[in-house]
Amino acid sequence: MHEERREAAEKHDQHQSKVTGPQDPHQKAAEHHDLAAQAHRTASEHNEKGDDTAGKWHADRAMEHSTQAFKLSKEAHTKSDRIGQL
């Protein structure tokens, strides 16, 4: 169980490193949306197997990515509005 959580944390960190590079805010938001969706699917799989601890861990990661995606989406929208006004 602890090995699975460690591997999941490492995989999460690898995904995080992919979304922290210099990119367009729309792209960053989309990547966080994708990561949230994957984390939700993984949480669901764990919950179906009765592994509620791992399911909750992945659900928490999904919430983190969803929150970040929302923040980046608002940022991208604001920047797009400013560019359109130039």
C-alpha atoms as a PDB file:
ATOM      1  CA  MET A   1       0.000   0.000   0.000  1.00  0.00           C
ATOM      2  CA  HIS A   2       2.725   2.463   0.946  1.00  0.00           C
ATOM      3  CA  GLU A   3       4.662   1.537  -2.195  1.00  0.00           C
ATOM      4  CA  GLU A   4       1.597   2.302  -4.342  1.00  0.00           C
ATOM      5  CA  ARG A   5       1.141   5.689  -2.672  1.00  0.00           C
ATOM      6  CA  ARG A   6       4.838   6.514  -3.130  1.00  0.00           C
ATOM      7  CA  GLU A   7       4.661   5.564  -6.819  1.00  0.00           C
ATOM      8  CA  ALA A   8       1.475   7.598  -7.230  1.00  0.00           C
ATOM      9  CA  ALA A   9       3.149  10.592  -5.579  1.00  0.00           C
ATOM     10  CA  GLU A  10       6.155  10.264  -7.890  1.00  0.00           C
ATOM     11  CA  LYS A  11       3.871  10.061 -10.925  1.00  0.00           C
ATOM     12  CA  HIS A  12       2.006  13.133  -9.675  1.00  0.00           C
ATOM     13  CA  ASP A  13       5.290  15.013  -9.277  1.00  0.00           C
ATOM     14  CA  GLN A  14       6.304  14.068 -12.822  1.00  0.00           C
ATOM     15  CA  HIS A  15       3.006  15.424 -14.125  1.00  0.00           C
ATOM     16  CA  GLN A  16       3.483  18.589 -12.079  1.00  0.00           C
ATOM     17  CA  SER A  17       6.884  19.164 -13.636  1.00  0.00           C
ATOM     18  CA  LYS A  18       5.306  18.958 -17.086  1.00  0.00           C
ATOM     19  CA  VAL A  19       2.841  21.741 -16.335  1.00  0.00           C
ATOM     20  CA  THR A  20       5.268  24.149 -14.697  1.00  0.00           C
ATOM     21  CA  GLY A  21       7.321  24.995 -17.783  1.00  0.00           C
ATOM     22  CA  PRO A  22       6.964  28.295 -19.641  1.00  0.00           C
ATOM     23  CA  GLN A  23       3.769  27.898 -21.662  1.00  0.00           C
ATOM     24  CA  ASP A  24       0.689  29.711 -22.776  1.00  0.00           C
ATOM     25  CA  PRO A  25      -1.797  30.049 -19.879  1.00  0.00           C
ATOM     26  CA  HIS A  26      -4.487  28.341 -21.980  1.00  0.00           C
ATOM     27  CA  GLN A  27      -2.196  25.345 -22.489  1.00  0.00           C
ATOM     28  CA  LYS A  28      -1.303  25.194 -18.794  1.00  0.00           C
ATOM     29  CA  ALA A  29      -4.986  25.329 -17.850  1.00  0.00           C
ATOM     30  CA  ALA A  30      -5.798  22.554 -20.318  1.00  0.00           C
ATOM     31  CA  GLU A  31      -3.035  20.353 -18.913  1.00  0.00           C
ATOM     32  CA  HIS A  32      -4.355  20.804 -15.381  1.00  0.00           C
ATOM     33  CA  HIS A  33      -7.873  19.950 -16.594  1.00  0.00           C
ATOM     34  CA  ASP A  34      -6.457  16.758 -18.151  1.00  0.00           C
ATOM     35  CA  LEU A  35      -4.537  15.874 -14.979  1.00  0.00           C
ATOM     36  CA  ALA A  36      -7.649  16.451 -12.880  1.00  0.00           C
ATOM     37  CA  ALA A  37      -9.674  14.171 -15.127  1.00  0.00           C
ATOM     38  CA  GLN A  38      -7.048  11.428 -14.900  1.00  0.00           C
ATOM     39  CA  ALA A  39      -6.880  11.759 -11.126  1.00  0.00           C
ATOM     40  CA  HIS A  40     -10.676  11.492 -10.931  1.00  0.00           C
ATOM     41  CA  ARG A  41     -10.613   8.312 -13.030  1.00  0.00           C
ATOM     42  CA  THR A  42      -7.876   6.833 -10.849  1.00  0.00           C
ATOM     43  CA  ALA A  43      -9.773   7.756  -7.677  1.00  0.00           C
ATOM     44  CA  SER A  44     -12.857   6.052  -9.062  1.00  0.00           C
ATOM     45  CA  GLU A  45     -10.905   2.888  -9.873  1.00  0.00           C
ATOM     46  CA  HIS A  46      -9.491   2.730  -6.345  1.00  0.00           C
ATOM     47  CA  ASN A  47     -12.892   3.342  -4.785  1.00  0.00           C
ATOM     48  CA  GLU A  48     -14.444   0.573  -6.896  1.00  0.00           C
ATOM     49  CA  LYS A  49     -11.760  -1.787  -5.570  1.00  0.00           C
ATOM     50  CA  GLY A  50     -12.572  -0.744  -2.006  1.00  0.00           C
ATOM     51  CA  ASP A  51      -9.296   1.131  -1.544  1.00  0.00           C
ATOM     52  CA  ASP A  52     -10.808   4.268  -0.075  1.00  0.00           C
ATOM     53  CA  THR A  53      -7.497   5.645   1.198  1.00  0.00           C
ATOM     54  CA  ALA A  54      -5.911   5.665  -2.243  1.00  0.00           C
ATOM     55  CA  GLY A  55      -9.189   6.862  -3.747  1.00  0.00           C
ATOM     56  CA  LYS A  56      -9.245   9.849  -1.420  1.00  0.00           C
ATOM     57  CA  TRP A  57      -5.599  10.633  -2.138  1.00  0.00           C
ATOM     58  CA  HIS A  58      -6.277  10.730  -5.885  1.00  0.00           C
ATOM     59  CA  ALA A  59      -9.498  12.695  -5.359  1.00  0.00           C
ATOM     60  CA  ASP A  60      -7.487  15.269  -3.428  1.00  0.00           C
ATOM     61  CA  ARG A  61      -4.993  15.521  -6.317  1.00  0.00           C
ATOM     62  CA  ALA A  62      -7.926  15.936  -8.703  1.00  0.00           C
ATOM     63  CA  MET A  63      -9.221  18.819  -6.615  1.00  0.00           C
ATOM     64  CA  GLU A  64      -5.782  20.466  -6.592  1.00  0.00           C
ATOM     65  CA  HIS A  65      -5.530  20.235 -10.373  1.00  0.00           C
ATOM     66  CA  SER A  66      -9.110  21.428 -10.844  1.00  0.00           C
ATOM     67  CA  THR A  67      -8.482  24.432  -8.624  1.00  0.00           C
ATOM     68  CA  GLN A  68      -5.276  25.262 -10.489  1.00  0.00           C
ATOM     69  CA  ALA A  69      -7.010  24.816 -13.855  1.00  0.00           C
ATOM     70  CA  PHE A  70      -9.745  27.231 -12.801  1.00  0.00           C
ATOM     71  CA  LYS A  71      -7.179  29.804 -11.653  1.00  0.00           C
ATOM     72  CA  LEU A  72      -5.193  29.496 -14.897  1.00  0.00           C
ATOM     73  CA  SER A  73      -8.365  29.644 -16.987  1.00  0.00           C
ATOM     74  CA  LYS A  74      -9.320  32.946 -15.393  1.00  0.00           C
ATOM     75  CA  GLU A  75      -5.773  34.240 -15.942  1.00  0.00           C
ATOM     76  CA  ALA A  76      -5.801  33.158 -19.589  1.00  0.00           C
ATOM     77  CA  HIS A  77      -9.189  34.761 -20.132  1.00  0.00           C
ATOM     78  CA  THR A  78      -7.980  38.053 -18.618  1.00  0.00           C
ATOM     79  CA  LYS A  79      -4.831  38.035 -20.777  1.00  0.00           C
ATOM     80  CA  SER A  80      -6.859  37.243 -23.889  1.00  0.00           C
ATOM     81  CA  ASP A  81      -9.139  40.196 -23.186  1.00  0.00           C
ATOM     82  CA  ARG A  82      -6.148  42.519 -22.838  1.00  0.00           C
ATOM     83  CA  ILE A  83      -4.600  41.268 -26.076  1.00  0.00           C
ATOM     84  CA  GLY A  84      -7.899  41.782 -27.895  1.00  0.00           C
ATOM     85  CA  GLN A  85      -7.983  45.401 -26.776  1.00  0.00           C
ATOM     86  CA  LEU A  86      -4.569  46.258 -28.258  1.00  0.00           C
END
